[in-house]
Amino acid sequence: ELGLAETTVEAISARADVTSRTFF
């Protein structure tokens, strides 16, 4: 949707309903 460069870990975590710590 946004492009890889504009995609952030924070946005991914929010959409997946997890914390950034869980992401990593």
PDB file of all heavy atoms in Angstrom:
ATOM      1  N   GLU A   1       0.809  -1.216   0.000  1.00  0.00           N
ATOM      2  CA  GLU A   1       0.000   0.000   0.000  1.00  0.00           C
ATOM      3  C   GLU A   1       0.849   1.275   0.000  1.00  0.00           C
ATOM      4  O   GLU A   1       0.553   2.229  -0.726  1.00  0.00           O
ATOM      5  CB  GLU A   1      -0.913   0.014   1.234  1.00  0.00           C
ATOM      6  CG  GLU A   1      -1.955  -1.093   1.242  1.00  0.00           C
ATOM      7  CD  GLU A   1      -2.618  -1.232   2.601  1.00  0.00           C
ATOM      8  OE1 GLU A   1      -2.432  -0.332   3.462  1.00  0.00           O
ATOM      9  OE2 GLU A   1      -3.328  -2.229   2.822  1.00  0.00           O
ATOM     10  N   LEU A   2       1.888   1.298   0.822  1.00  0.00           N
ATOM     11  CA  LEU A   2       2.651   2.529   1.051  1.00  0.00           C
ATOM     12  C   LEU A   2       3.999   2.563   0.358  1.00  0.00           C
ATOM     13  O   LEU A   2       4.576   3.633   0.186  1.00  0.00           O
ATOM     14  CB  LEU A   2       2.883   2.722   2.561  1.00  0.00           C
ATOM     15  CG  LEU A   2       1.648   2.703   3.467  1.00  0.00           C
ATOM     16  CD1 LEU A   2       2.076   2.805   4.926  1.00  0.00           C
ATOM     17  CD2 LEU A   2       0.688   3.811   3.094  1.00  0.00           C
ATOM     18  N   GLY A   3       4.490   1.384   0.000  1.00  0.00           N
ATOM     19  CA  GLY A   3       5.871   1.280  -0.470  1.00  0.00           C
ATOM     20  C   GLY A   3       6.757   0.822   0.675  1.00  0.00           C
ATOM     21  O   GLY A   3       6.493   1.134   1.839  1.00  0.00           O
ATOM     22  N   LEU A   4       7.803   0.093   0.355  1.00  0.00           N
ATOM     23  CA  LEU A   4       8.668  -0.459   1.397  1.00  0.00           C
ATOM     24  C   LEU A   4       9.341   0.643   2.211  1.00  0.00           C
ATOM     25  O   LEU A   4       9.432   0.557   3.442  1.00  0.00           O
ATOM     26  CB  LEU A   4       9.721  -1.371   0.764  1.00  0.00           C
ATOM     27  CG  LEU A   4      10.661  -2.086   1.732  1.00  0.00           C
ATOM     28  CD1 LEU A   4       9.891  -3.040   2.636  1.00  0.00           C
ATOM     29  CD2 LEU A   4      11.747  -2.842   0.967  1.00  0.00           C
ATOM     30  N   ALA A   5       9.805   1.703   1.539  1.00  0.00           N
ATOM     31  CA  ALA A   5      10.527   2.768   2.244  1.00  0.00           C
ATOM     32  C   ALA A   5       9.648   3.470   3.274  1.00  0.00           C
ATOM     33  O   ALA A   5      10.132   3.903   4.329  1.00  0.00           O
ATOM     34  CB  ALA A   5      11.070   3.782   1.235  1.00  0.00           C
ATOM     35  N   GLU A   6       8.359   3.590   2.979  1.00  0.00           N
ATOM     36  CA  GLU A   6       7.453   4.310   3.875  1.00  0.00           C
ATOM     37  C   GLU A   6       6.864   3.409   4.961  1.00  0.00           C
ATOM     38  O   GLU A   6       6.187   3.894   5.873  1.00  0.00           O
ATOM     39  CB  GLU A   6       6.307   4.935   3.066  1.00  0.00           C
ATOM     40  CG  GLU A   6       6.758   5.925   2.012  1.00  0.00           C
ATOM     41  CD  GLU A   6       7.548   7.074   2.611  1.00  0.00           C
ATOM     42  OE1 GLU A   6       7.164   7.552   3.698  1.00  0.00           O
ATOM     43  OE2 GLU A   6       8.548   7.493   2.004  1.00  0.00           O
ATOM     44  N   THR A   7       7.092   2.131   4.873  1.00  0.00           N
ATOM     45  CA  THR A   7       6.564   1.189   5.864  1.00  0.00           C
ATOM     46  C   THR A   7       7.502   1.135   7.063  1.00  0.00           C
ATOM     47  O   THR A   7       8.716   0.987   6.906  1.00  0.00           O
ATOM     48  CB  THR A   7       6.425  -0.217   5.247  1.00  0.00           C
ATOM     49  OG1 THR A   7       5.489  -0.149   4.165  1.00  0.00           O
ATOM     50  CG2 THR A   7       5.925  -1.220   6.269  1.00  0.00           C
ATOM     51  N   THR A   8       6.953   1.261   8.261  1.00  0.00           N
ATOM     52  CA  THR A   8       7.762   1.247   9.478  1.00  0.00           C
ATOM     53  C   THR A   8       7.405   0.052  10.348  1.00  0.00           C
ATOM     54  O   THR A   8       6.311  -0.525  10.233  1.00  0.00           O
ATOM     55  CB  THR A   8       7.541   2.533  10.294  1.00  0.00           C
ATOM     56  OG1 THR A   8       6.171   2.560  10.745  1.00  0.00           O
ATOM     57  CG2 THR A   8       7.830   3.772   9.463  1.00  0.00           C
ATOM     58  N   VAL A   9       8.335  -0.290  11.226  1.00  0.00           N
ATOM     59  CA  VAL A   9       8.073  -1.368  12.185  1.00  0.00           C
ATOM     60  C   VAL A   9       6.895  -1.003  13.077  1.00  0.00           C
ATOM     61  O   VAL A   9       6.059  -1.861  13.404  1.00  0.00           O
ATOM     62  CB  VAL A   9       9.336  -1.637  13.031  1.00  0.00           C
ATOM     63  CG1 VAL A   9       9.011  -2.550  14.219  1.00  0.00           C
ATOM     64  CG2 VAL A   9      10.426  -2.253  12.168  1.00  0.00           C
ATOM     65  N   GLU A  10       6.795   0.270  13.447  1.00  0.00           N
ATOM     66  CA  GLU A  10       5.695   0.713  14.304  1.00  0.00           C
ATOM     67  C   GLU A  10       4.344   0.519  13.611  1.00  0.00           C
ATOM     68  O   GLU A  10       3.379   0.056  14.236  1.00  0.00           O
ATOM     69  CB  GLU A  10       5.880   2.188  14.675  1.00  0.00           C
ATOM     70  CG  GLU A  10       7.050   2.452  15.610  1.00  0.00           C
ATOM     71  CD  GLU A  10       8.400   2.365  14.940  1.00  0.00           C
ATOM     72  OE1 GLU A  10       8.458   2.443  13.685  1.00  0.00           O
ATOM     73  OE2 GLU A  10       9.411   2.205  15.661  1.00  0.00           O
ATOM     74  N   ALA A  11       4.278   0.846  12.321  1.00  0.00           N
ATOM     75  CA  ALA A  11       3.027   0.679  11.583  1.00  0.00           C
ATOM     76  C   ALA A  11       2.672  -0.795  11.420  1.00  0.00           C
ATOM     77  O   ALA A  11       1.498  -1.186  11.544  1.00  0.00           O
ATOM     78  CB  ALA A  11       3.138   1.352  10.217  1.00  0.00           C
ATOM     79  N   ILE A  12       3.684  -1.611  11.143  1.00  0.00           N
ATOM     80  CA  ILE A  12       3.442  -3.057  11.022  1.00  0.00           C
ATOM     81  C   ILE A  12       2.926  -3.615  12.341  1.00  0.00           C
ATOM     82  O   ILE A  12       1.949  -4.374  12.375  1.00  0.00           O
ATOM     83  CB  ILE A  12       4.733  -3.788  10.601  1.00  0.00           C
ATOM     84  CG1 ILE A  12       5.162  -3.354   9.209  1.00  0.00           C
ATOM     85  CG2 ILE A  12       4.527  -5.309  10.646  1.00  0.00           C
ATOM     86  CD1 ILE A  12       6.554  -3.840   8.820  1.00  0.00           C
ATOM     87  N   SER A  13       3.562  -3.233  13.433  1.00  0.00           N
ATOM     88  CA  SER A  13       3.166  -3.726  14.751  1.00  0.00           C
ATOM     89  C   SER A  13       1.739  -3.320  15.085  1.00  0.00           C
ATOM     90  O   SER A  13       0.957  -4.124  15.613  1.00  0.00           O
ATOM     91  CB  SER A  13       4.131  -3.197  15.819  1.00  0.00           C
ATOM     92  OG  SER A  13       5.463  -3.594  15.543  1.00  0.00           O
ATOM     93  N   ALA A  14       1.391  -2.068  14.761  1.00  0.00           N
ATOM     94  CA  ALA A  14       0.043  -1.591  15.051  1.00  0.00           C
ATOM     95  C   ALA A  14      -0.995  -2.374  14.264  1.00  0.00           C
ATOM     96  O   ALA A  14      -2.036  -2.774  14.806  1.00  0.00           O
ATOM     97  CB  ALA A  14      -0.062  -0.103  14.731  1.00  0.00           C
ATOM     98  N   ARG A  15      -0.728  -2.611  12.983  1.00  0.00           N
ATOM     99  CA  ARG A  15      -1.707  -3.346  12.177  1.00  0.00           C
ATOM    100  C   ARG A  15      -1.808  -4.799  12.623  1.00  0.00           C
ATOM    101  O   ARG A  15      -2.889  -5.392  12.583  1.00  0.00           O
ATOM    102  CB  ARG A  15      -1.358  -3.274  10.697  1.00  0.00           C
ATOM    103  CG  ARG A  15      -2.374  -3.999   9.827  1.00  0.00           C
ATOM    104  CD  ARG A  15      -2.235  -3.735   8.360  1.00  0.00           C
ATOM    105  NE  ARG A  15      -2.572  -2.356   7.996  1.00  0.00           N
ATOM    106  CZ  ARG A  15      -2.835  -1.968   6.733  1.00  0.00           C
ATOM    107  NH1 ARG A  15      -2.813  -2.851   5.741  1.00  0.00           N
ATOM    108  NH2 ARG A  15      -3.106  -0.712   6.473  1.00  0.00           N
ATOM    109  N   ALA A  16      -0.702  -5.384  13.035  1.00  0.00           N
ATOM    110  CA  ALA A  16      -0.712  -6.779  13.490  1.00  0.00           C
ATOM    111  C   ALA A  16      -1.198  -6.921  14.931  1.00  0.00           C
ATOM    112  O   ALA A  16      -1.325  -8.037  15.433  1.00  0.00           O
ATOM    113  CB  ALA A  16       0.681  -7.386  13.352  1.00  0.00           C
ATOM    114  N   ASP A  17      -1.416  -5.764  15.599  1.00  0.00           N
ATOM    115  CA  ASP A  17      -1.880  -5.729  16.997  1.00  0.00           C
ATOM    116  C   ASP A  17      -0.877  -6.398  17.929  1.00  0.00           C
ATOM    117  O   ASP A  17      -1.238  -7.200  18.790  1.00  0.00           O
ATOM    118  CB  ASP A  17      -3.258  -6.402  17.120  1.00  0.00           C
ATOM    119  CG  ASP A  17      -3.942  -6.059  18.445  1.00  0.00           C
ATOM    120  OD1 ASP A  17      -3.626  -5.000  19.018  1.00  0.00           O
ATOM    121  OD2 ASP A  17      -4.784  -6.858  18.902  1.00  0.00           O
ATOM    122  N   VAL A  18       0.408  -6.038  17.732  1.00  0.00           N
ATOM    123  CA  VAL A  18       1.468  -6.500  18.631  1.00  0.00           C
ATOM    124  C   VAL A  18       2.334  -5.298  18.999  1.00  0.00           C
ATOM    125  O   VAL A  18       2.247  -4.240  18.370  1.00  0.00           O
ATOM    126  CB  VAL A  18       2.349  -7.595  17.980  1.00  0.00           C
ATOM    127  CG1 VAL A  18       1.528  -8.812  17.602  1.00  0.00           C
ATOM    128  CG2 VAL A  18       3.090  -7.040  16.760  1.00  0.00           C
ATOM    129  N   THR A  19       3.161  -5.452  19.999  1.00  0.00           N
ATOM    130  CA  THR A  19       4.094  -4.383  20.355  1.00  0.00           C
ATOM    131  C   THR A  19       5.325  -4.461  19.459  1.00  0.00           C
ATOM    132  O   THR A  19       5.607  -5.503  18.850  1.00  0.00           O
ATOM    133  CB  THR A  19       4.532  -4.507  21.820  1.00  0.00           C
ATOM    134  OG1 THR A  19       5.291  -5.728  21.965  1.00  0.00           O
ATOM    135  CG2 THR A  19       3.328  -4.531  22.767  1.00  0.00           C
ATOM    136  N   SER A  20       6.068  -3.360  19.411  1.00  0.00           N
ATOM    137  CA  SER A  20       7.321  -3.370  18.647  1.00  0.00           C
ATOM    138  C   SER A  20       8.299  -4.389  19.228  1.00  0.00           C
ATOM    139  O   SER A  20       9.069  -5.025  18.499  1.00  0.00           O
ATOM    140  CB  SER A  20       7.955  -1.978  18.640  1.00  0.00           C
ATOM    141  OG  SER A  20       7.144  -1.061  17.943  1.00  0.00           O
ATOM    142  N   ARG A  21       8.251  -4.558  20.539  1.00  0.00           N
ATOM    143  CA  ARG A  21       9.129  -5.555  21.171  1.00  0.00           C
ATOM    144  C   ARG A  21       8.785  -6.951  20.668  1.00  0.00           C
ATOM    145  O   ARG A  21       9.689  -7.750  20.362  1.00  0.00           O
ATOM    146  CB  ARG A  21       8.972  -5.492  22.692  1.00  0.00           C
ATOM    147  CG  ARG A  21       9.840  -6.504  23.426  1.00  0.00           C
ATOM    148  CD  ARG A  21       9.691  -6.350  24.935  1.00  0.00           C
ATOM    149  NE  ARG A  21      10.490  -7.338  25.649  1.00  0.00           N
ATOM    150  CZ  ARG A  21      10.549  -7.442  26.966  1.00  0.00           C
ATOM    151  NH1 ARG A  21       9.866  -6.591  27.727  1.00  0.00           N
ATOM    152  NH2 ARG A  21      11.307  -8.362  27.528  1.00  0.00           N
ATOM    153  N   THR A  22       7.486  -7.250  20.569  1.00  0.00           N
ATOM    154  CA  THR A  22       7.081  -8.554  20.033  1.00  0.00           C
ATOM    155  C   THR A  22       7.531  -8.696  18.591  1.00  0.00           C
ATOM    156  O   THR A  22       8.004  -9.761  18.178  1.00  0.00           O
ATOM    157  CB  THR A  22       5.555  -8.733  20.124  1.00  0.00           C
ATOM    158  OG1 THR A  22       5.166  -8.723  21.498  1.00  0.00           O
ATOM    159  CG2 THR A  22       5.105 -10.040  19.487  1.00  0.00           C
ATOM    160  N   PHE A  23       7.394  -7.621  17.814  1.00  0.00           N
ATOM    161  CA  PHE A  23       7.857  -7.664  16.423  1.00  0.00           C
ATOM    162  C   PHE A  23       9.304  -8.129  16.363  1.00  0.00           C
ATOM    163  O   PHE A  23       9.649  -9.042  15.595  1.00  0.00           O
ATOM    164  CB  PHE A  23       7.719  -6.289  15.779  1.00  0.00           C
ATOM    165  CG  PHE A  23       8.286  -6.226  14.384  1.00  0.00           C
ATOM    166  CD1 PHE A  23       7.469  -6.410  13.286  1.00  0.00           C
ATOM    167  CD2 PHE A  23       9.651  -6.011  14.169  1.00  0.00           C
ATOM    168  CE1 PHE A  23       7.989  -6.377  11.995  1.00  0.00           C
ATOM    169  CE2 PHE A  23      10.177  -5.980  12.887  1.00  0.00           C
ATOM    170  CZ  PHE A  23       9.349  -6.166  11.800  1.00  0.00           C
ATOM    171  N   PHE A  24      10.164  -7.495  17.177  1.00  0.00           N
ATOM    172  CA  PHE A  24      11.586  -7.826  17.103  1.00  0.00           C
ATOM    173  C   PHE A  24      11.914  -9.184  17.722  1.00  0.00           C
ATOM    174  O   PHE A  24      13.005  -9.715  17.491  1.00  0.00           O
ATOM    175  CB  PHE A  24      12.415  -6.715  17.745  1.00  0.00           C
ATOM    176  CG  PHE A  24      12.519  -5.485  16.891  1.00  0.00           C
ATOM    177  CD1 PHE A  24      11.924  -4.297  17.279  1.00  0.00           C
ATOM    178  CD2 PHE A  24      13.194  -5.539  15.679  1.00  0.00           C
ATOM    179  CE1 PHE A  24      12.017  -3.161  16.481  1.00  0.00           C
ATOM    180  CE2 PHE A  24      13.294  -4.403  14.870  1.00  0.00           C
ATOM    181  CZ  PHE A  24      12.695  -3.214  15.276  1.00  0.00           C
TER     182      PHE A  24
END
